[in-house]
Amino acid sequence: MDKVNKTDAEWKEELSPEAFKVLRKHGTERAGTHDDFPKDAGTFLCKGCGNPLFTQDTKFESGTGWPSFYAPIDADAVGEQTDRSLFMRRTEVHCARCDGHLGHVFPDGPAPTGLRYCMNGVAMTFEPDQS
């Protein structure tokens, strides 16, 4: 996978202010403020670079106010690193292609993984299946 590297000025030209704040500055949208996407079959893509991240099949209602998934589309689609901001220790999730901040992963999700990838909706777009 080819990495996407752009300057902040280039990202600002391509992204909305809210998407720039989340993807490039590690922000978080307020819970419940983003459209929770269609329920149709499809794929969730990184808004920054179009990298496929999650499928509708792995999405679940977590009750948190953010789109949640129990697994990425592929182990190489996302990366993780320790986030020690806000006096907490969490696992940050970012796009493996453009390093855009997507959200965090927590160990309180459903089977089969037991993980909850709690994502910022503004950091993704939805592409319905073409069937």
N, C-alpha and C. Protein backbone atom coordinates (compact mmCIF):
# COMPACT_ATOMS: atom_id res chain seq x y z
N MET A 1 0.85 -1.18 0.00
CA MET A 1 0.00 0.00 0.00
C MET A 1 0.89 1.24 0.00
N ASP A 2 0.66 2.14 -0.93
CA ASP A 2 1.42 3.38 -0.99
C ASP A 2 0.92 4.34 0.07
N LYS A 3 1.85 4.92 0.83
CA LYS A 3 1.51 5.89 1.86
C LYS A 3 1.11 7.21 1.21
N VAL A 4 0.19 7.92 1.84
CA VAL A 4 -0.24 9.24 1.38
C VAL A 4 0.38 10.25 2.33
N ASN A 5 1.17 11.15 1.79
CA ASN A 5 1.81 12.20 2.58
C ASN A 5 1.47 13.56 1.98
N LYS A 6 0.85 14.41 2.77
CA LYS A 6 0.47 15.75 2.32
C LYS A 6 0.77 16.75 3.43
N THR A 7 0.90 17.99 3.04
CA THR A 7 1.09 19.06 4.02
C THR A 7 -0.24 19.39 4.67
N ASP A 8 -0.20 20.09 5.79
CA ASP A 8 -1.45 20.53 6.42
C ASP A 8 -2.25 21.41 5.46
N ALA A 9 -1.58 22.25 4.70
CA ALA A 9 -2.28 23.11 3.74
C ALA A 9 -3.02 22.28 2.69
N GLU A 10 -2.40 21.21 2.21
CA GLU A 10 -3.06 20.35 1.23
C GLU A 10 -4.26 19.63 1.86
N TRP A 11 -4.11 19.14 3.09
CA TRP A 11 -5.23 18.48 3.77
C TRP A 11 -6.37 19.46 3.99
N LYS A 12 -6.06 20.69 4.38
CA LYS A 12 -7.10 21.70 4.62
C LYS A 12 -7.90 22.01 3.37
N GLU A 13 -7.26 21.95 2.21
CA GLU A 13 -7.96 22.18 0.95
C GLU A 13 -8.94 21.06 0.63
N GLU A 14 -8.63 19.85 1.05
CA GLU A 14 -9.42 18.67 0.68
C GLU A 14 -10.47 18.27 1.71
N LEU A 15 -10.27 18.61 2.96
CA LEU A 15 -11.15 18.16 4.03
C LEU A 15 -11.98 19.31 4.60
N SER A 16 -13.15 18.98 5.14
CA SER A 16 -13.93 19.98 5.88
C SER A 16 -13.16 20.34 7.14
N PRO A 17 -13.46 21.49 7.75
CA PRO A 17 -12.76 21.84 8.99
C PRO A 17 -12.88 20.77 10.08
N GLU A 18 -14.07 20.16 10.22
CA GLU A 18 -14.26 19.13 11.24
C GLU A 18 -13.46 17.87 10.91
N ALA A 19 -13.47 17.45 9.64
CA ALA A 19 -12.69 16.28 9.23
C ALA A 19 -11.20 16.54 9.41
N PHE A 20 -10.74 17.73 9.11
CA PHE A 20 -9.33 18.08 9.30
C PHE A 20 -8.96 18.00 10.78
N LYS A 21 -9.82 18.55 11.63
CA LYS A 21 -9.56 18.53 13.08
C LYS A 21 -9.43 17.10 13.60
N VAL A 22 -10.29 16.21 13.14
CA VAL A 22 -10.26 14.82 13.61
C VAL A 22 -9.10 14.05 12.97
N LEU A 23 -9.07 14.02 11.64
CA LEU A 23 -8.09 13.19 10.94
C LEU A 23 -6.65 13.66 11.12
N ARG A 24 -6.41 14.96 11.09
CA ARG A 24 -5.04 15.45 11.08
C ARG A 24 -4.57 15.98 12.44
N LYS A 25 -5.51 16.39 13.31
CA LYS A 25 -5.14 16.97 14.60
C LYS A 25 -5.60 16.13 15.79
N HIS A 26 -6.05 14.90 15.51
CA HIS A 26 -6.43 13.94 16.55
C HIS A 26 -7.60 14.41 17.39
N GLY A 27 -8.52 15.13 16.78
CA GLY A 27 -9.70 15.58 17.49
C GLY A 27 -10.74 14.47 17.61
N THR A 28 -11.85 14.81 18.25
CA THR A 28 -12.97 13.88 18.41
C THR A 28 -14.25 14.64 18.19
N GLU A 29 -15.12 14.12 17.35
CA GLU A 29 -16.43 14.75 17.20
C GLU A 29 -17.27 14.43 18.43
N ARG A 30 -18.21 15.29 18.76
CA ARG A 30 -19.09 15.04 19.89
C ARG A 30 -19.96 13.83 19.61
N ALA A 31 -20.21 13.05 20.63
CA ALA A 31 -21.05 11.85 20.49
C ALA A 31 -22.43 12.24 19.95
N GLY A 32 -22.92 11.42 19.03
CA GLY A 32 -24.27 11.61 18.50
C GLY A 32 -24.41 12.74 17.50
N THR A 33 -23.31 13.37 17.11
CA THR A 33 -23.42 14.52 16.21
C THR A 33 -23.24 14.14 14.75
N HIS A 34 -22.83 12.91 14.47
CA HIS A 34 -22.60 12.51 13.09
C HIS A 34 -23.65 11.51 12.64
N ASP A 35 -24.05 11.66 11.39
CA ASP A 35 -24.96 10.69 10.78
C ASP A 35 -24.34 9.30 10.95
N ASP A 36 -25.14 8.35 11.40
CA ASP A 36 -24.61 7.02 11.69
C ASP A 36 -24.54 6.12 10.46
N PHE A 37 -24.62 6.70 9.27
CA PHE A 37 -24.46 6.00 8.01
C PHE A 37 -25.63 5.06 7.70
N PRO A 38 -25.80 4.75 6.42
CA PRO A 38 -26.88 3.82 6.01
C PRO A 38 -26.67 2.43 6.62
N LYS A 39 -27.73 1.67 6.60
CA LYS A 39 -27.68 0.29 7.11
C LYS A 39 -27.43 -0.72 5.99
N ASP A 40 -27.33 -0.23 4.75
CA ASP A 40 -27.11 -1.11 3.59
C ASP A 40 -25.74 -1.75 3.65
N ALA A 41 -25.58 -2.84 2.89
CA ALA A 41 -24.27 -3.48 2.77
C ALA A 41 -23.30 -2.51 2.10
N GLY A 42 -22.08 -2.47 2.59
CA GLY A 42 -21.10 -1.57 2.00
C GLY A 42 -19.83 -1.51 2.82
N THR A 43 -18.99 -0.54 2.45
CA THR A 43 -17.67 -0.40 3.04
C THR A 43 -17.48 1.02 3.54
N PHE A 44 -16.85 1.16 4.69
CA PHE A 44 -16.50 2.45 5.26
C PHE A 44 -15.06 2.75 4.88
N LEU A 45 -14.84 3.90 4.26
CA LEU A 45 -13.54 4.30 3.75
C LEU A 45 -12.99 5.49 4.52
N CYS A 46 -11.67 5.61 4.57
CA CYS A 46 -11.03 6.77 5.17
C CYS A 46 -11.39 8.00 4.33
N LYS A 47 -11.87 9.04 4.97
CA LYS A 47 -12.24 10.26 4.26
C LYS A 47 -11.00 10.97 3.71
N GLY A 48 -9.85 10.72 4.30
CA GLY A 48 -8.63 11.37 3.84
C GLY A 48 -8.06 10.77 2.57
N CYS A 49 -8.10 9.44 2.45
CA CYS A 49 -7.41 8.81 1.32
C CYS A 49 -8.20 7.72 0.61
N GLY A 50 -9.39 7.38 1.09
CA GLY A 50 -10.20 6.36 0.44
C GLY A 50 -9.84 4.93 0.78
N ASN A 51 -8.95 4.73 1.73
CA ASN A 51 -8.55 3.39 2.15
C ASN A 51 -9.75 2.65 2.77
N PRO A 52 -10.09 1.44 2.30
CA PRO A 52 -11.17 0.67 2.93
C PRO A 52 -10.79 0.30 4.37
N LEU A 53 -11.70 0.60 5.30
CA LEU A 53 -11.42 0.40 6.73
C LEU A 53 -12.27 -0.68 7.39
N PHE A 54 -13.59 -0.58 7.22
CA PHE A 54 -14.53 -1.48 7.89
C PHE A 54 -15.67 -1.82 6.93
N THR A 55 -16.33 -2.95 7.19
CA THR A 55 -17.52 -3.29 6.41
C THR A 55 -18.75 -3.17 7.31
N GLN A 56 -19.89 -3.03 6.66
CA GLN A 56 -21.16 -2.95 7.37
C GLN A 56 -21.38 -4.20 8.22
N ASP A 57 -20.85 -5.35 7.77
CA ASP A 57 -21.03 -6.62 8.50
C ASP A 57 -20.42 -6.59 9.89
N THR A 58 -19.43 -5.73 10.12
CA THR A 58 -18.77 -5.70 11.44
C THR A 58 -19.23 -4.52 12.29
N LYS A 59 -20.19 -3.75 11.79
CA LYS A 59 -20.70 -2.59 12.54
C LYS A 59 -21.75 -3.07 13.54
N PHE A 60 -21.78 -2.44 14.70
CA PHE A 60 -22.79 -2.78 15.69
C PHE A 60 -23.18 -1.52 16.47
N GLU A 61 -24.34 -1.57 17.10
CA GLU A 61 -24.82 -0.44 17.89
C GLU A 61 -24.25 -0.54 19.30
N SER A 62 -23.31 0.35 19.60
CA SER A 62 -22.63 0.30 20.90
C SER A 62 -23.31 1.16 21.95
N GLY A 63 -24.18 2.07 21.52
CA GLY A 63 -24.83 2.97 22.47
C GLY A 63 -23.94 4.13 22.89
N THR A 64 -22.80 4.29 22.26
CA THR A 64 -21.86 5.35 22.64
C THR A 64 -22.09 6.66 21.90
N GLY A 65 -22.78 6.61 20.77
CA GLY A 65 -22.97 7.81 19.96
C GLY A 65 -21.96 7.94 18.84
N TRP A 66 -21.05 6.98 18.72
CA TRP A 66 -20.07 6.95 17.63
C TRP A 66 -20.24 5.63 16.87
N PRO A 67 -19.96 5.63 15.56
CA PRO A 67 -19.99 4.37 14.82
C PRO A 67 -18.98 3.38 15.41
N SER A 68 -19.43 2.16 15.64
CA SER A 68 -18.57 1.15 16.27
C SER A 68 -18.54 -0.12 15.45
N PHE A 69 -17.37 -0.75 15.44
CA PHE A 69 -17.12 -1.96 14.66
C PHE A 69 -16.35 -2.94 15.55
N TYR A 70 -16.50 -4.25 15.29
CA TYR A 70 -15.73 -5.21 16.09
C TYR A 70 -14.44 -5.66 15.41
N ALA A 71 -14.22 -5.27 14.14
CA ALA A 71 -12.97 -5.64 13.45
C ALA A 71 -12.80 -4.78 12.20
N PRO A 72 -11.56 -4.44 11.85
CA PRO A 72 -11.32 -3.75 10.58
C PRO A 72 -11.48 -4.72 9.41
N ILE A 73 -11.59 -4.17 8.22
CA ILE A 73 -11.77 -4.96 7.01
C ILE A 73 -10.59 -5.90 6.79
N ASP A 74 -9.41 -5.47 7.22
CA ASP A 74 -8.18 -6.23 7.06
C ASP A 74 -7.24 -5.76 8.16
N ALA A 75 -6.42 -6.65 8.68
CA ALA A 75 -5.50 -6.27 9.77
C ALA A 75 -4.55 -5.16 9.36
N ASP A 76 -4.26 -5.04 8.06
CA ASP A 76 -3.34 -4.01 7.59
C ASP A 76 -4.03 -2.69 7.24
N ALA A 77 -5.34 -2.60 7.37
CA ALA A 77 -6.08 -1.39 7.00
C ALA A 77 -5.88 -0.26 8.01
N VAL A 78 -5.70 -0.63 9.26
CA VAL A 78 -5.53 0.37 10.32
C VAL A 78 -4.25 0.09 11.10
N GLY A 79 -3.77 1.12 11.75
CA GLY A 79 -2.65 0.98 12.66
C GLY A 79 -3.09 1.42 14.04
N GLU A 80 -2.31 1.06 15.03
CA GLU A 80 -2.63 1.41 16.41
C GLU A 80 -1.40 1.95 17.10
N GLN A 81 -1.63 2.85 18.05
CA GLN A 81 -0.55 3.35 18.90
C GLN A 81 -1.13 3.80 20.22
N THR A 82 -0.29 3.86 21.23
CA THR A 82 -0.73 4.28 22.55
C THR A 82 -0.99 5.77 22.57
N ASP A 83 -2.13 6.16 23.13
CA ASP A 83 -2.55 7.56 23.27
C ASP A 83 -2.61 7.86 24.76
N ARG A 84 -1.77 8.76 25.21
CA ARG A 84 -1.74 9.12 26.63
C ARG A 84 -2.32 10.51 26.89
N SER A 85 -3.11 11.03 25.96
CA SER A 85 -3.71 12.34 26.15
C SER A 85 -4.86 12.27 27.15
N LEU A 86 -5.26 13.42 27.64
CA LEU A 86 -6.39 13.55 28.56
C LEU A 86 -6.21 12.72 29.84
N PHE A 87 -4.99 12.53 30.25
CA PHE A 87 -4.66 11.81 31.49
C PHE A 87 -5.18 10.37 31.50
N MET A 88 -5.27 9.78 30.29
CA MET A 88 -5.72 8.40 30.16
C MET A 88 -4.72 7.65 29.30
N ARG A 89 -4.84 6.33 29.33
CA ARG A 89 -4.05 5.50 28.41
C ARG A 89 -5.05 4.72 27.56
N ARG A 90 -5.07 5.05 26.27
CA ARG A 90 -5.99 4.40 25.34
C ARG A 90 -5.19 3.94 24.11
N THR A 91 -5.84 3.15 23.28
CA THR A 91 -5.22 2.72 22.03
C THR A 91 -5.87 3.48 20.88
N GLU A 92 -5.08 4.36 20.27
CA GLU A 92 -5.56 5.14 19.14
C GLU A 92 -5.54 4.28 17.88
N VAL A 93 -6.51 4.49 17.00
CA VAL A 93 -6.59 3.81 15.72
C VAL A 93 -6.42 4.86 14.63
N HIS A 94 -5.55 4.57 13.68
CA HIS A 94 -5.34 5.48 12.56
C HIS A 94 -5.35 4.71 11.24
N CYS A 95 -5.59 5.43 10.16
CA CYS A 95 -5.56 4.83 8.82
C CYS A 95 -4.13 4.44 8.50
N ALA A 96 -3.94 3.22 8.04
CA ALA A 96 -2.59 2.74 7.74
C ALA A 96 -2.01 3.42 6.50
N ARG A 97 -2.86 3.98 5.66
CA ARG A 97 -2.37 4.59 4.42
C ARG A 97 -1.99 6.06 4.58
N CYS A 98 -2.81 6.84 5.29
CA CYS A 98 -2.53 8.28 5.41
C CYS A 98 -2.26 8.73 6.84
N ASP A 99 -2.29 7.80 7.78
CA ASP A 99 -2.07 8.07 9.20
C ASP A 99 -3.13 8.98 9.81
N GLY A 100 -4.28 9.13 9.16
CA GLY A 100 -5.36 9.94 9.72
C GLY A 100 -5.93 9.30 10.98
N HIS A 101 -6.15 10.12 11.99
CA HIS A 101 -6.75 9.65 13.25
C HIS A 101 -8.21 9.28 13.00
N LEU A 102 -8.59 8.07 13.41
CA LEU A 102 -9.95 7.59 13.21
C LEU A 102 -10.73 7.50 14.51
N GLY A 103 -10.08 7.15 15.60
CA GLY A 103 -10.75 6.96 16.88
C GLY A 103 -9.89 6.11 17.79
N HIS A 104 -10.56 5.26 18.59
CA HIS A 104 -9.86 4.40 19.55
C HIS A 104 -10.48 3.02 19.55
N VAL A 105 -9.73 2.04 20.03
CA VAL A 105 -10.25 0.68 20.16
C VAL A 105 -10.23 0.31 21.64
N PHE A 106 -11.31 -0.34 22.07
CA PHE A 106 -11.48 -0.72 23.47
C PHE A 106 -11.81 -2.22 23.57
N PRO A 107 -11.47 -2.85 24.70
CA PRO A 107 -11.68 -4.30 24.84
C PRO A 107 -13.06 -4.67 25.39
N ASP A 108 -14.10 -3.92 24.99
CA ASP A 108 -15.44 -4.19 25.52
C ASP A 108 -16.48 -4.40 24.41
N GLY A 109 -16.03 -4.93 23.27
CA GLY A 109 -16.93 -5.14 22.14
C GLY A 109 -17.53 -6.53 22.14
N PRO A 110 -18.35 -6.81 21.13
CA PRO A 110 -19.02 -8.11 21.04
C PRO A 110 -18.13 -9.20 20.45
N ALA A 111 -18.62 -10.42 20.50
CA ALA A 111 -17.95 -11.54 19.82
C ALA A 111 -17.99 -11.24 18.33
N PRO A 112 -17.11 -11.72 17.54
CA PRO A 112 -16.10 -12.72 17.88
C PRO A 112 -14.79 -12.13 18.40
N THR A 113 -14.57 -10.82 18.32
CA THR A 113 -13.26 -10.27 18.71
C THR A 113 -13.22 -9.72 20.13
N GLY A 114 -14.36 -9.29 20.66
CA GLY A 114 -14.39 -8.65 21.96
C GLY A 114 -13.87 -7.22 21.91
N LEU A 115 -13.68 -6.68 20.70
CA LEU A 115 -13.15 -5.33 20.54
C LEU A 115 -14.24 -4.38 20.07
N ARG A 116 -14.08 -3.10 20.44
CA ARG A 116 -14.97 -2.04 19.98
C ARG A 116 -14.12 -0.94 19.37
N TYR A 117 -14.11 -0.91 18.04
CA TYR A 117 -13.43 0.17 17.32
C TYR A 117 -14.41 1.34 17.28
N CYS A 118 -14.19 2.30 18.14
CA CYS A 118 -15.06 3.46 18.30
C CYS A 118 -14.52 4.57 17.41
N MET A 119 -15.17 4.78 16.26
CA MET A 119 -14.64 5.65 15.22
C MET A 119 -15.38 6.98 15.13
N ASN A 120 -14.70 7.98 14.66
CA ASN A 120 -15.32 9.26 14.37
C ASN A 120 -15.97 9.16 13.00
N GLY A 121 -17.28 9.36 12.93
CA GLY A 121 -17.97 9.26 11.66
C GLY A 121 -17.48 10.25 10.62
N VAL A 122 -17.06 11.44 11.07
CA VAL A 122 -16.58 12.47 10.15
C VAL A 122 -15.27 12.08 9.48
N ALA A 123 -14.60 11.06 9.98
CA ALA A 123 -13.32 10.60 9.42
C ALA A 123 -13.53 9.55 8.33
N MET A 124 -14.79 9.17 8.08
CA MET A 124 -15.06 8.10 7.11
C MET A 124 -16.15 8.51 6.13
N THR A 125 -16.17 7.82 5.00
CA THR A 125 -17.28 7.90 4.05
C THR A 125 -17.80 6.49 3.87
N PHE A 126 -19.02 6.38 3.37
CA PHE A 126 -19.65 5.06 3.16
C PHE A 126 -19.84 4.83 1.68
N GLU A 127 -19.43 3.65 1.22
CA GLU A 127 -19.62 3.25 -0.17
C GLU A 127 -20.49 2.00 -0.20
N PRO A 128 -21.72 2.12 -0.73
CA PRO A 128 -22.60 0.94 -0.78
C PRO A 128 -22.04 -0.11 -1.74
N ASP A 129 -22.34 -1.38 -1.45
CA ASP A 129 -21.96 -2.47 -2.36
C ASP A 129 -22.69 -2.28 -3.68
N GLN A 130 -22.07 -2.72 -4.73
CA GLN A 130 -22.63 -2.59 -6.09
C GLN A 130 -23.34 -3.87 -6.53
N SER A 131 -24.10 -4.49 -5.66
CA SER A 131 -24.77 -5.74 -6.06
C SER A 131 -26.23 -5.55 -6.29
